[in-house]
Amino acid sequence: MKLTLAAHLLAACFPVSQVALDEIDAPVYAVEGVADETADGLRQAELIAQGSPIYQAQTGRFEGSAVLMPGRALSELRDFGTDLTAAAPRVVPAGTDLRTLAFLARTQNLRVAQAAEGVRRADIERDNAGMALSPRIGSDIDFGRVEERIGRSGGLGGAEGNFDRTILRVEAVQPIYDAAALAARDAADRAQGVARAAFAAEAQAAVFEVTDTYLRGMTAKARRDLTEKRLGRVRDQLSAEGRLRAAGRSVAAAALVLDVERGAAEGDIALFDQELDTALADLARLTGRPVTDIEVIRASASAYELPGPVTGYLADALEANPLMQQRRLETVRRRDLYREAVARDFAPRVEGYARADYEGESGSASRIGTDTEEYAVGVRVSVPIYNRTGTGYAHRVAESAYRDATLSEVALRRQLEAEIVTLIARVDQGLRALSGAERALAAAQALVRSERAAVASGVAAPVAVLAREIQLIRAEESLLLRRYEILRARARLAFLTGNDPVEVLI
């Protein structure tokens, strides 16, 4: 009872001090341009770590066994969630359209599930880090039997005896000033944000991979259909040439040309079948469901519009890209870990304690039994002087890790800027190529109509119509390729700027 009362008084009298960790600041960077380029990122990371709307919208929250993504201002990532509760039945939509596969990627992809478990682990580690500032209560009990021999002393004869000894200690410790524990708690807070940003990044990456793979499969499927159409026209012409040969009016070179065209078409079909099968296998891997076919999507008209200014896309990427948010939070976490290492190497630690000791010894032939109780309340100060842990100074390694995290953030920012500029140019060039392909298709259609009229009037041979029809099919294939290349670039651009590729395309 006395010990319990002392522990409560200790916790009330010696609350945890909020040490000014800003005094343990990060090192100044000597790398040219790094400090300037990361200053804004660190400020934004601080806002994110404090629960800013950007962070809450992008990284979501973790509740129980489900990771929930709240609505963003643009609502692209609203349903980027993974529920890992085995007991709760999940309603999985049927079909193999792009929206369904994207939903499966968010909910069934194993990498997303691993990232969700990382959020759970970060929450547990944060709770454990906070326990370092809570009271610590422990006890030690020692039971032993002592054999005692006493020689001649003060003219008295020696004596021998055996007695039992019991030692009991109960101690409660309350940290008062512990800069390292406070920095470790802050680092654990940042780690929670890093884990949530990693989850959002994995979910968005899975959706993008599904979208890009779906477009690859659509391209292979559409090209295969056009090649089948071309092969059918060649076979029809071969049949006509066979009838002409039987009538003695065929030209030998015409049949050879048709055989070459048929062989090329059959080889292309086999290649497109292989590409389609690869895309279907990748979709099954990403979604956790066997995918045997895909549906051709009809892209929105906005997907073929001219892109906006580069600055707008860059601002969206720096603000909403989950991987960028993860790198920023990781930089701040490394800064807190550096502060923790400095505190452990150099800062004193102050803690209050309350202790109760009991020692009991039974009587023997040479002594009288005793029972002793001691109660103490005090303050303990621990000061590191030199190489306290015996492993050197940890802050030097933490400083290097902090620099590395900052450079990684800057590298990702530069990568995003370069890739976005390239993608915008790619979309712009693709739109110009699409316009040219549309004109080529219109010209090919006019040529087919002209040749058919010439054959009907007896001016041209039927094989001339086949050549124009093959030219028309190739023009259709070229137009299709230009469209799908634009869609893939748009999907990548949406992914880099933190938007949902499916919603951007459809």
Protein backbone atom coordinates (compact mmCIF):
# COMPACT_ATOMS: atom_id res chain seq x y z
CA MET A 1 0.00 0.00 0.00
CA LYS A 2 2.81 2.37 0.89
CA LEU A 3 4.53 1.62 -2.43
CA THR A 4 1.36 2.18 -4.46
CA LEU A 5 0.78 5.52 -2.75
CA ALA A 6 4.38 6.51 -3.40
CA ALA A 7 4.05 5.62 -7.10
CA HIS A 8 0.96 7.82 -7.49
CA LEU A 9 2.65 10.71 -5.71
CA LEU A 10 5.72 10.23 -7.91
CA ALA A 11 3.74 10.42 -11.14
CA ALA A 12 1.91 13.53 -9.93
CA CYS A 13 4.98 15.35 -8.66
CA PHE A 14 7.30 14.58 -11.56
CA PRO A 15 5.44 14.87 -14.89
CA VAL A 16 7.34 14.28 -18.13
CA SER A 17 9.08 17.43 -19.28
CA GLN A 18 8.69 18.47 -22.91
CA VAL A 19 12.29 19.07 -23.78
CA ALA A 20 12.97 21.65 -26.49
CA LEU A 21 14.13 19.28 -29.20
CA ASP A 22 14.64 22.16 -31.60
CA GLU A 23 17.89 22.78 -29.74
CA ILE A 24 19.09 19.44 -31.09
CA ASP A 25 18.85 20.46 -34.70
CA ALA A 26 19.89 18.70 -37.85
CA PRO A 27 23.29 19.28 -39.46
CA VAL A 28 23.74 21.93 -42.11
CA TYR A 29 24.00 20.46 -45.58
CA ALA A 30 27.13 21.04 -47.55
CA VAL A 31 25.73 19.59 -50.77
CA GLU A 32 25.09 22.40 -53.20
CA GLY A 33 21.42 23.19 -53.69
CA VAL A 34 20.09 20.54 -51.31
CA ALA A 35 19.12 22.93 -48.51
CA ASP A 36 17.26 25.26 -50.86
CA GLU A 37 15.42 22.48 -52.64
CA THR A 38 14.35 20.69 -49.47
CA ALA A 39 13.32 23.66 -47.33
CA ASP A 40 9.84 23.83 -48.80
CA GLY A 41 9.49 20.06 -48.69
CA LEU A 42 10.39 19.92 -45.01
CA ARG A 43 7.88 22.64 -44.18
CA GLN A 44 5.17 20.75 -46.00
CA ALA A 45 6.23 17.55 -44.27
CA GLU A 46 5.82 19.26 -40.91
CA LEU A 47 2.27 20.24 -41.85
CA ILE A 48 1.57 16.73 -43.04
CA ALA A 49 2.90 15.20 -39.85
CA GLN A 50 0.71 17.51 -37.77
CA GLY A 51 -2.43 16.24 -39.48
CA SER A 52 -2.87 18.76 -42.27
CA PRO A 53 -5.74 18.22 -44.73
CA ILE A 54 -3.25 17.23 -47.42
CA TYR A 55 -1.89 14.42 -45.27
CA GLN A 56 -5.28 13.27 -44.03
CA ALA A 57 -6.69 13.21 -47.54
CA GLN A 58 -3.73 11.45 -49.09
CA THR A 59 -2.72 8.88 -46.49
CA GLY A 60 -6.01 8.01 -44.85
CA ARG A 61 -6.43 6.49 -41.45
CA PHE A 62 -6.27 3.05 -39.90
CA GLU A 63 -9.23 1.80 -37.89
CA GLY A 64 -9.30 -1.66 -36.39
CA SER A 65 -8.58 -4.13 -39.16
CA ALA A 66 -9.46 -1.84 -42.06
CA VAL A 67 -7.49 0.89 -43.77
CA LEU A 68 -9.89 3.63 -44.83
CA MET A 69 -9.20 6.37 -47.34
CA PRO A 70 -11.26 9.52 -46.62
CA GLY A 71 -12.59 11.67 -49.42
CA ARG A 72 -10.11 14.01 -51.06
CA ALA A 73 -10.90 17.38 -52.51
CA LEU A 74 -10.79 15.75 -55.95
CA SER A 75 -12.12 12.37 -54.69
CA GLU A 76 -9.71 10.30 -56.79
CA LEU A 77 -8.47 8.13 -53.94
CA ARG A 78 -11.73 7.81 -52.07
CA ASP A 79 -11.94 4.02 -52.16
CA PHE A 80 -8.25 3.16 -51.94
CA GLY A 81 -8.87 0.84 -48.98
CA THR A 82 -7.97 -2.66 -47.89
CA ASP A 83 -10.07 -4.60 -45.40
CA LEU A 84 -8.17 -7.51 -43.92
CA THR A 85 -10.97 -8.86 -41.72
CA ALA A 86 -11.35 -12.54 -42.62
CA ALA A 87 -14.70 -12.91 -40.86
CA ALA A 88 -16.41 -10.11 -42.76
CA PRO A 89 -17.70 -11.36 -46.15
CA ARG A 90 -16.59 -9.26 -49.09
CA VAL A 91 -18.84 -8.54 -52.03
CA VAL A 92 -16.56 -8.79 -55.05
CA PRO A 93 -18.13 -7.47 -58.26
CA ALA A 94 -18.25 -9.74 -61.26
CA GLY A 95 -16.89 -8.88 -64.68
CA THR A 96 -13.53 -8.04 -66.19
CA ASP A 97 -14.05 -4.38 -67.05
CA LEU A 98 -11.40 -1.87 -66.03
CA ARG A 99 -13.32 -0.46 -63.06
CA THR A 100 -13.85 -3.92 -61.58
CA LEU A 101 -10.21 -4.90 -61.98
CA ALA A 102 -9.11 -1.60 -60.43
CA PHE A 103 -11.37 -2.31 -57.44
CA LEU A 104 -9.83 -5.77 -57.08
CA ALA A 105 -6.35 -4.26 -57.23
CA ARG A 106 -7.21 -1.98 -54.30
CA THR A 107 -8.73 -4.76 -52.20
CA GLN A 108 -7.04 -8.02 -53.23
CA ASN A 109 -3.52 -7.04 -54.26
CA LEU A 110 -0.96 -8.59 -51.90
CA ARG A 111 1.39 -5.61 -51.96
CA VAL A 112 -1.47 -3.37 -50.86
CA ALA A 113 -2.30 -5.84 -48.08
CA GLN A 114 1.34 -5.82 -46.96
CA ALA A 115 1.31 -2.03 -46.89
CA ALA A 116 -1.87 -2.15 -44.78
CA GLU A 117 -0.12 -4.45 -42.34
CA GLY A 118 2.73 -1.95 -42.27
CA VAL A 119 0.22 0.66 -41.06
CA ARG A 120 -0.87 -1.69 -38.29
CA ARG A 121 2.75 -2.30 -37.28
CA ALA A 122 3.53 1.44 -37.25
CA ASP A 123 0.60 2.04 -34.90
CA ILE A 124 1.88 -0.63 -32.53
CA GLU A 125 5.40 0.80 -32.63
CA ARG A 126 4.00 4.27 -31.86
CA ASP A 127 2.19 2.91 -28.81
CA ASN A 128 5.38 1.22 -27.66
CA ALA A 129 7.40 4.41 -28.14
CA GLY A 130 4.94 6.31 -25.97
CA MET A 131 5.37 3.76 -23.19
CA ALA A 132 8.96 4.97 -22.71
CA LEU A 133 7.52 8.07 -21.02
CA SER A 134 5.15 6.14 -18.77
CA PRO A 135 5.92 4.88 -15.25
CA ARG A 136 7.89 1.65 -15.00
CA ILE A 137 7.14 -0.71 -12.13
CA GLY A 138 9.14 -3.84 -11.43
CA SER A 139 10.00 -6.18 -8.60
CA ASP A 140 12.84 -8.54 -7.66
CA ILE A 141 12.55 -11.43 -5.22
CA ASP A 142 15.52 -13.40 -3.90
CA PHE A 143 15.04 -16.53 -1.80
CA GLY A 144 18.20 -18.19 -0.44
CA ARG A 145 19.64 -20.33 2.32
CA VAL A 146 22.84 -19.07 3.92
CA GLU A 147 25.40 -21.25 5.66
CA GLU A 148 27.39 -19.17 8.14
CA ARG A 149 30.62 -19.96 9.98
CA ILE A 150 31.97 -17.48 12.54
CA GLY A 151 35.54 -17.84 13.81
CA ARG A 152 36.95 -16.64 17.12
CA SER A 153 35.99 -13.03 17.71
CA GLY A 154 36.63 -10.90 20.81
CA GLY A 155 37.65 -13.85 22.88
CA LEU A 156 34.51 -15.73 22.06
CA GLY A 157 34.48 -19.10 20.46
CA GLY A 158 33.38 -19.74 16.88
CA ALA A 159 29.89 -20.74 15.84
CA GLU A 160 28.12 -22.25 12.87
CA GLY A 161 24.58 -21.89 11.69
CA ASN A 162 22.17 -21.99 8.77
CA PHE A 163 19.38 -19.54 8.12
CA ASP A 164 16.96 -18.51 5.35
CA ARG A 165 17.15 -15.09 3.73
CA THR A 166 14.40 -13.36 1.74
CA ILE A 167 15.02 -10.12 -0.16
CA LEU A 168 12.16 -8.30 -1.87
CA ARG A 169 12.43 -5.06 -3.84
CA VAL A 170 9.64 -3.19 -5.62
CA GLU A 171 10.50 -0.03 -7.54
CA ALA A 172 8.47 2.48 -9.56
CA VAL A 173 10.32 4.84 -11.92
CA GLN A 174 8.82 7.90 -13.63
CA PRO A 175 10.86 9.62 -16.38
CA ILE A 176 11.09 13.38 -15.80
CA TYR A 177 13.51 14.53 -18.48
CA ASP A 178 14.35 12.15 -21.33
CA ALA A 179 15.14 13.89 -24.61
CA ALA A 180 15.89 10.60 -26.37
CA ALA A 181 12.50 9.11 -25.49
CA LEU A 182 10.69 12.23 -26.69
CA ALA A 183 12.58 12.20 -29.99
CA ALA A 184 11.87 8.48 -30.39
CA ARG A 185 8.17 9.15 -29.86
CA ASP A 186 8.23 11.90 -32.50
CA ALA A 187 10.02 9.56 -34.90
CA ALA A 188 7.33 6.93 -34.28
CA ASP A 189 4.68 9.56 -35.08
CA ARG A 190 6.42 10.23 -38.38
CA ALA A 191 6.68 6.50 -39.02
CA GLN A 192 2.89 6.28 -38.81
CA GLY A 193 2.63 8.90 -41.55
CA VAL A 194 5.26 7.11 -43.64
CA ALA A 195 3.33 3.84 -43.35
CA ARG A 196 0.05 5.45 -44.39
CA ALA A 197 1.67 7.23 -47.32
CA ALA A 198 3.28 3.92 -48.34
CA PHE A 199 -0.14 2.29 -48.28
CA ALA A 200 -1.63 5.01 -50.48
CA ALA A 201 1.35 4.76 -52.84
CA GLU A 202 1.02 0.97 -53.14
CA ALA A 203 -2.72 1.18 -53.77
CA GLN A 204 -2.31 3.83 -56.45
CA ALA A 205 0.61 1.97 -58.03
CA ALA A 206 -1.49 -1.21 -58.19
CA VAL A 207 -4.34 0.65 -59.92
CA PHE A 208 -1.93 2.21 -62.40
CA GLU A 209 -0.33 -1.15 -63.19
CA VAL A 210 -3.77 -2.64 -63.80
CA THR A 211 -4.72 0.28 -66.04
CA ASP A 212 -1.50 0.17 -68.04
CA THR A 213 -1.67 -3.63 -68.40
CA TYR A 214 -5.31 -3.39 -69.43
CA LEU A 215 -4.40 -0.90 -72.16
CA ARG A 216 -1.60 -3.18 -73.35
CA GLY A 217 -4.06 -6.05 -73.53
CA MET A 218 -6.60 -3.90 -75.36
CA THR A 219 -3.95 -2.91 -77.89
CA ALA A 220 -2.96 -6.52 -78.54
CA LYS A 221 -6.59 -7.62 -78.79
CA ALA A 222 -7.57 -4.83 -81.19
CA ARG A 223 -4.51 -5.37 -83.38
CA ARG A 224 -5.26 -9.10 -83.47
CA ASP A 225 -8.83 -8.39 -84.61
CA LEU A 226 -7.57 -6.10 -87.38
CA THR A 227 -5.00 -8.69 -88.45
CA GLU A 228 -7.73 -11.36 -88.52
CA LYS A 229 -9.69 -9.05 -90.78
CA ARG A 230 -6.66 -8.60 -93.02
CA LEU A 231 -6.04 -12.35 -93.10
CA GLY A 232 -9.67 -12.97 -94.04
CA ARG A 233 -9.42 -10.64 -97.02
CA VAL A 234 -6.19 -12.33 -98.13
CA ARG A 235 -7.81 -15.75 -97.92
CA ASP A 236 -10.79 -14.53 -99.93
CA GLN A 237 -8.43 -13.24 -102.60
CA LEU A 238 -6.49 -16.52 -102.58
CA SER A 239 -9.74 -18.36 -103.25
CA ALA A 240 -10.46 -16.00 -106.13
CA GLU A 241 -6.95 -16.52 -107.49
CA GLY A 242 -7.50 -20.28 -107.31
CA ARG A 243 -10.59 -19.98 -109.46
CA LEU A 244 -8.72 -17.78 -111.94
CA ARG A 245 -5.86 -20.30 -112.04
CA ALA A 246 -8.32 -23.07 -112.80
CA ALA A 247 -9.67 -20.98 -115.65
CA GLY A 248 -6.14 -20.25 -116.88
CA ARG A 249 -6.36 -16.52 -116.29
CA SER A 250 -4.23 -16.17 -113.14
CA VAL A 251 -0.83 -14.51 -112.86
CA ALA A 252 1.74 -16.57 -110.90
CA ALA A 253 3.20 -13.53 -109.14
CA ALA A 254 -0.20 -12.59 -107.72
CA ALA A 255 -0.51 -15.86 -105.80
CA LEU A 256 3.03 -15.48 -104.42
CA VAL A 257 2.29 -11.98 -103.18
CA LEU A 258 -0.84 -13.25 -101.44
CA ASP A 259 1.09 -16.12 -99.83
CA VAL A 260 3.61 -13.64 -98.42
CA GLU A 261 0.82 -11.48 -97.02
CA ARG A 262 -0.93 -14.50 -95.49
CA GLY A 263 2.25 -15.70 -93.78
CA ALA A 264 2.93 -12.25 -92.34
CA ALA A 265 -0.63 -11.98 -91.01
CA GLU A 266 -0.54 -15.43 -89.39
CA GLY A 267 2.78 -14.56 -87.70
CA ASP A 268 1.36 -11.28 -86.41
CA ILE A 269 -1.68 -13.06 -84.97
CA ALA A 270 0.53 -15.46 -83.03
CA LEU A 271 2.54 -12.52 -81.67
CA PHE A 272 -0.58 -10.61 -80.61
CA ASP A 273 -1.98 -13.74 -78.96
CA GLN A 274 1.19 -13.99 -76.91
CA GLU A 275 1.00 -10.32 -75.89
CA LEU A 276 -2.66 -10.70 -74.91
CA ASP A 277 -1.96 -13.83 -72.85
CA THR A 278 0.87 -12.02 -71.05
CA ALA A 279 -1.40 -9.09 -70.25
CA LEU A 280 -4.14 -11.40 -68.93
CA ALA A 281 -1.63 -13.22 -66.72
CA ASP A 282 -0.36 -9.92 -65.33
CA LEU A 283 -3.92 -8.79 -64.60
CA ALA A 284 -4.60 -12.03 -62.74
CA ARG A 285 -1.44 -11.51 -60.68
CA LEU A 286 -2.36 -7.93 -59.82
CA THR A 287 -6.02 -8.59 -58.96
CA GLY A 288 -5.97 -12.08 -57.47
CA ARG A 289 -8.64 -13.28 -59.90
CA PRO A 290 -8.27 -15.35 -63.10
CA VAL A 291 -8.81 -13.05 -66.08
CA THR A 292 -9.64 -14.76 -69.37
CA ASP A 293 -10.69 -11.76 -71.44
CA ILE A 294 -10.93 -7.99 -71.29
CA GLU A 295 -13.50 -5.54 -72.57
CA VAL A 296 -12.61 -2.66 -74.84
CA ILE A 297 -13.18 0.63 -73.03
CA ARG A 298 -14.47 3.80 -74.60
CA ALA A 299 -12.25 6.61 -73.40
CA SER A 300 -13.70 9.99 -72.54
CA ALA A 301 -13.21 12.88 -74.93
CA SER A 302 -11.17 14.74 -72.32
CA ALA A 303 -8.47 12.08 -72.56
CA TYR A 304 -7.66 13.33 -76.07
CA GLU A 305 -7.56 17.01 -75.17
CA LEU A 306 -4.38 19.07 -75.14
CA PRO A 307 -2.61 18.92 -71.76
CA GLY A 308 -2.53 21.98 -69.54
CA PRO A 309 0.56 23.92 -68.44
CA VAL A 310 3.46 21.98 -66.98
CA THR A 311 3.46 24.02 -63.78
CA GLY A 312 -0.02 22.81 -62.84
CA TYR A 313 0.94 19.15 -63.22
CA LEU A 314 4.15 19.70 -61.26
CA ALA A 315 2.27 21.36 -58.40
CA ASP A 316 -0.23 18.48 -58.28
CA ALA A 317 2.56 15.92 -58.25
CA LEU A 318 4.46 17.61 -55.41
CA GLU A 319 1.28 17.98 -53.37
CA ALA A 320 -0.70 14.80 -54.03
CA ASN A 321 1.72 12.10 -55.19
CA PRO A 322 1.73 9.50 -52.37
CA LEU A 323 5.33 8.49 -52.96
CA MET A 324 6.40 12.13 -52.71
CA GLN A 325 4.51 12.43 -49.43
CA GLN A 326 6.20 9.28 -48.19
CA ARG A 327 9.67 10.63 -48.98
CA ARG A 328 8.93 13.91 -47.22
CA LEU A 329 7.70 12.19 -44.10
CA GLU A 330 10.68 9.85 -44.18
CA THR A 331 12.99 12.87 -44.26
CA VAL A 332 11.32 14.30 -41.16
CA ARG A 333 11.44 10.90 -39.46
CA ARG A 334 15.16 10.64 -40.13
CA ARG A 335 15.59 14.09 -38.61
CA ASP A 336 13.83 12.93 -35.45
CA LEU A 337 15.96 9.79 -35.35
CA TYR A 338 19.05 12.00 -35.60
CA ARG A 339 17.82 14.06 -32.65
CA GLU A 340 17.17 10.89 -30.70
CA ALA A 341 20.71 9.67 -31.38
CA VAL A 342 22.20 13.01 -30.28
CA ALA A 343 20.16 12.87 -27.08
CA ARG A 344 21.25 9.32 -26.30
CA ASP A 345 24.89 10.21 -26.90
CA PHE A 346 25.03 13.48 -24.93
CA ALA A 347 21.82 14.45 -23.10
CA PRO A 348 21.28 13.63 -19.41
CA ARG A 349 18.29 11.64 -18.26
CA VAL A 350 16.37 12.49 -15.11
CA GLU A 351 13.85 10.19 -13.50
CA GLY A 352 12.08 10.00 -10.19
CA TYR A 353 11.73 6.77 -8.30
CA ALA A 354 9.93 5.22 -5.36
CA ARG A 355 11.37 2.06 -3.90
CA ALA A 356 10.38 -0.40 -1.16
CA ASP A 357 12.89 -2.97 0.15
CA TYR A 358 12.28 -5.84 2.50
CA GLU A 359 14.93 -8.20 3.86
CA GLY A 360 14.11 -11.02 6.24
CA GLU A 361 16.53 -13.47 7.85
CA SER A 362 15.53 -16.36 10.06
CA GLY A 363 17.36 -17.05 13.31
CA SER A 364 20.22 -19.52 13.78
CA ALA A 365 22.57 -20.75 16.48
CA SER A 366 24.80 -17.73 15.98
CA ARG A 367 22.34 -14.93 15.32
CA ILE A 368 18.92 -13.54 15.96
CA GLY A 369 16.41 -13.40 13.09
CA THR A 370 15.69 -9.97 11.60
CA ASP A 371 13.06 -8.28 9.42
CA THR A 372 13.99 -4.99 7.74
CA GLU A 373 11.79 -2.67 5.63
CA GLU A 374 13.03 0.40 3.78
CA TYR A 375 11.07 2.96 1.74
CA ALA A 376 12.71 5.59 -0.45
CA VAL A 377 11.56 8.33 -2.84
CA GLY A 378 14.12 10.27 -4.85
CA VAL A 379 15.49 11.54 -8.14
CA ARG A 380 18.09 9.79 -10.26
CA VAL A 381 20.24 11.66 -12.81
CA SER A 382 22.14 9.75 -15.49
CA VAL A 383 24.76 11.68 -17.48
CA PRO A 384 26.66 10.17 -20.43
CA ILE A 385 30.31 11.26 -20.31
CA TYR A 386 32.26 9.19 -22.81
CA ASN A 387 31.26 6.22 -24.96
CA ARG A 388 28.46 5.29 -22.61
CA THR A 389 27.09 2.36 -24.64
CA GLY A 390 30.48 1.04 -25.71
CA THR A 391 29.49 1.22 -29.39
CA GLY A 392 30.67 4.71 -30.25
CA TYR A 393 28.42 7.61 -31.18
CA ALA A 394 25.16 6.74 -32.92
CA HIS A 395 24.38 10.30 -34.02
CA ARG A 396 27.03 10.15 -36.74
CA VAL A 397 25.27 7.24 -38.45
CA ALA A 398 21.88 8.91 -37.96
CA GLU A 399 23.22 12.11 -39.53
CA SER A 400 24.29 10.21 -42.63
CA ALA A 401 20.87 8.53 -42.86
CA TYR A 402 19.19 11.93 -42.57
CA ARG A 403 21.28 13.31 -45.42
CA ASP A 404 20.50 10.26 -47.52
CA ALA A 405 16.74 10.66 -46.93
CA THR A 406 16.90 14.32 -47.94
CA LEU A 407 18.80 13.52 -51.11
CA SER A 408 16.29 10.77 -51.93
CA GLU A 409 13.46 13.29 -51.62
CA VAL A 410 15.23 15.74 -53.92
CA ALA A 411 15.99 12.95 -56.40
CA LEU A 412 12.34 11.90 -56.52
CA ARG A 413 11.26 15.51 -57.04
CA ARG A 414 13.62 15.87 -59.97
CA GLN A 415 12.48 12.54 -61.38
CA LEU A 416 8.84 13.61 -61.20
CA GLU A 417 9.60 16.91 -62.89
CA ALA A 418 11.54 15.25 -65.71
CA GLU A 419 8.97 12.51 -66.29
CA ILE A 420 6.00 14.89 -66.24
CA VAL A 421 7.65 17.17 -68.79
CA THR A 422 8.37 14.14 -70.97
CA LEU A 423 4.82 12.80 -70.65
CA ILE A 424 3.25 16.13 -71.57
CA ALA A 425 5.45 16.30 -74.65
CA ARG A 426 4.53 12.69 -75.41
CA VAL A 427 0.81 13.46 -75.22
CA ASP A 428 1.24 16.56 -77.36
CA GLN A 429 3.19 14.63 -80.00
CA GLY A 430 0.69 11.78 -79.81
CA LEU A 431 -2.19 14.14 -80.52
CA ARG A 432 -0.41 15.47 -83.59
CA ALA A 433 0.31 11.92 -84.72
CA LEU A 434 -3.34 11.03 -84.09
CA SER A 435 -4.45 13.87 -86.33
CA GLY A 436 -2.14 12.62 -89.08
CA ALA A 437 -3.40 9.04 -88.65
CA GLU A 438 -7.00 10.22 -89.00
CA ARG A 439 -6.14 11.98 -92.25
CA ALA A 440 -4.33 8.86 -93.49
CA LEU A 441 -7.36 6.73 -92.64
CA ALA A 442 -9.69 9.04 -94.53
CA ALA A 443 -7.39 8.93 -97.56
CA ALA A 444 -7.17 5.11 -97.38
CA GLN A 445 -10.97 4.85 -97.27
CA ALA A 446 -11.22 7.09 -100.34
CA LEU A 447 -8.68 4.91 -102.18
CA VAL A 448 -10.65 1.75 -101.41
CA ARG A 449 -13.84 3.31 -102.76
CA SER A 450 -11.97 4.45 -105.88
CA GLU A 451 -10.43 1.02 -106.55
CA ARG A 452 -13.75 -0.72 -106.04
CA ALA A 453 -15.32 1.61 -108.59
CA ALA A 454 -12.45 0.89 -111.00
CA VAL A 455 -12.91 -2.89 -110.58
CA ALA A 456 -16.65 -2.56 -111.11
CA SER A 457 -16.03 -0.71 -114.37
CA GLY A 458 -13.42 -3.27 -115.51
CA VAL A 459 -10.50 -0.84 -115.43
CA ALA A 460 -8.60 -2.51 -112.53
CA ALA A 461 -8.05 -6.06 -111.31
CA PRO A 462 -9.57 -7.29 -108.00
CA VAL A 463 -6.10 -7.70 -106.52
CA ALA A 464 -5.75 -3.92 -106.62
CA VAL A 465 -8.74 -3.62 -104.27
CA LEU A 466 -7.08 -6.06 -101.87
CA ALA A 467 -3.94 -3.92 -101.76
CA ARG A 468 -6.00 -0.84 -100.93
CA GLU A 469 -8.01 -2.72 -98.30
CA ILE A 470 -4.82 -3.93 -96.63
CA GLN A 471 -3.58 -0.36 -96.72
CA LEU A 472 -6.85 0.71 -95.08
CA ILE A 473 -6.50 -1.90 -92.33
CA ARG A 474 -2.95 -0.77 -91.62
CA ALA A 475 -4.20 2.83 -91.39
CA GLU A 476 -6.83 1.70 -88.87
CA GLU A 477 -4.13 -0.09 -86.89
CA SER A 478 -1.93 3.01 -86.92
CA LEU A 479 -4.81 5.14 -85.65
CA LEU A 480 -5.54 2.62 -82.91
CA LEU A 481 -1.91 2.58 -81.78
CA ARG A 482 -1.83 6.37 -81.59
CA ARG A 483 -4.97 6.42 -79.44
CA TYR A 484 -3.76 3.79 -77.01
CA GLU A 485 -0.35 5.42 -76.68
CA ILE A 486 -2.09 8.66 -75.70
CA LEU A 487 -4.25 6.80 -73.17
CA ARG A 488 -1.21 5.12 -71.62
CA ALA A 489 0.58 8.46 -71.33
CA ARG A 490 -2.53 10.03 -69.78
CA ALA A 491 -2.78 7.18 -67.27
CA ARG A 492 0.87 7.60 -66.30
CA LEU A 493 0.42 11.35 -65.96
CA ALA A 494 -2.62 10.84 -63.71
CA PHE A 495 -0.65 8.40 -61.57
CA LEU A 496 2.26 10.80 -61.11
CA THR A 497 -0.03 13.68 -60.14
CA GLY A 498 -1.91 11.68 -57.51
CA ASN A 499 -5.10 11.11 -59.53
CA ASP A 500 -7.00 7.92 -60.30
CA PRO A 501 -5.98 6.74 -63.82
CA VAL A 502 -9.31 4.95 -64.33
CA GLU A 503 -11.38 8.06 -63.63
CA VAL A 504 -9.15 10.17 -65.86
CA LEU A 505 -9.57 7.81 -68.82
CA ILE A 506 -13.25 6.91 -68.39
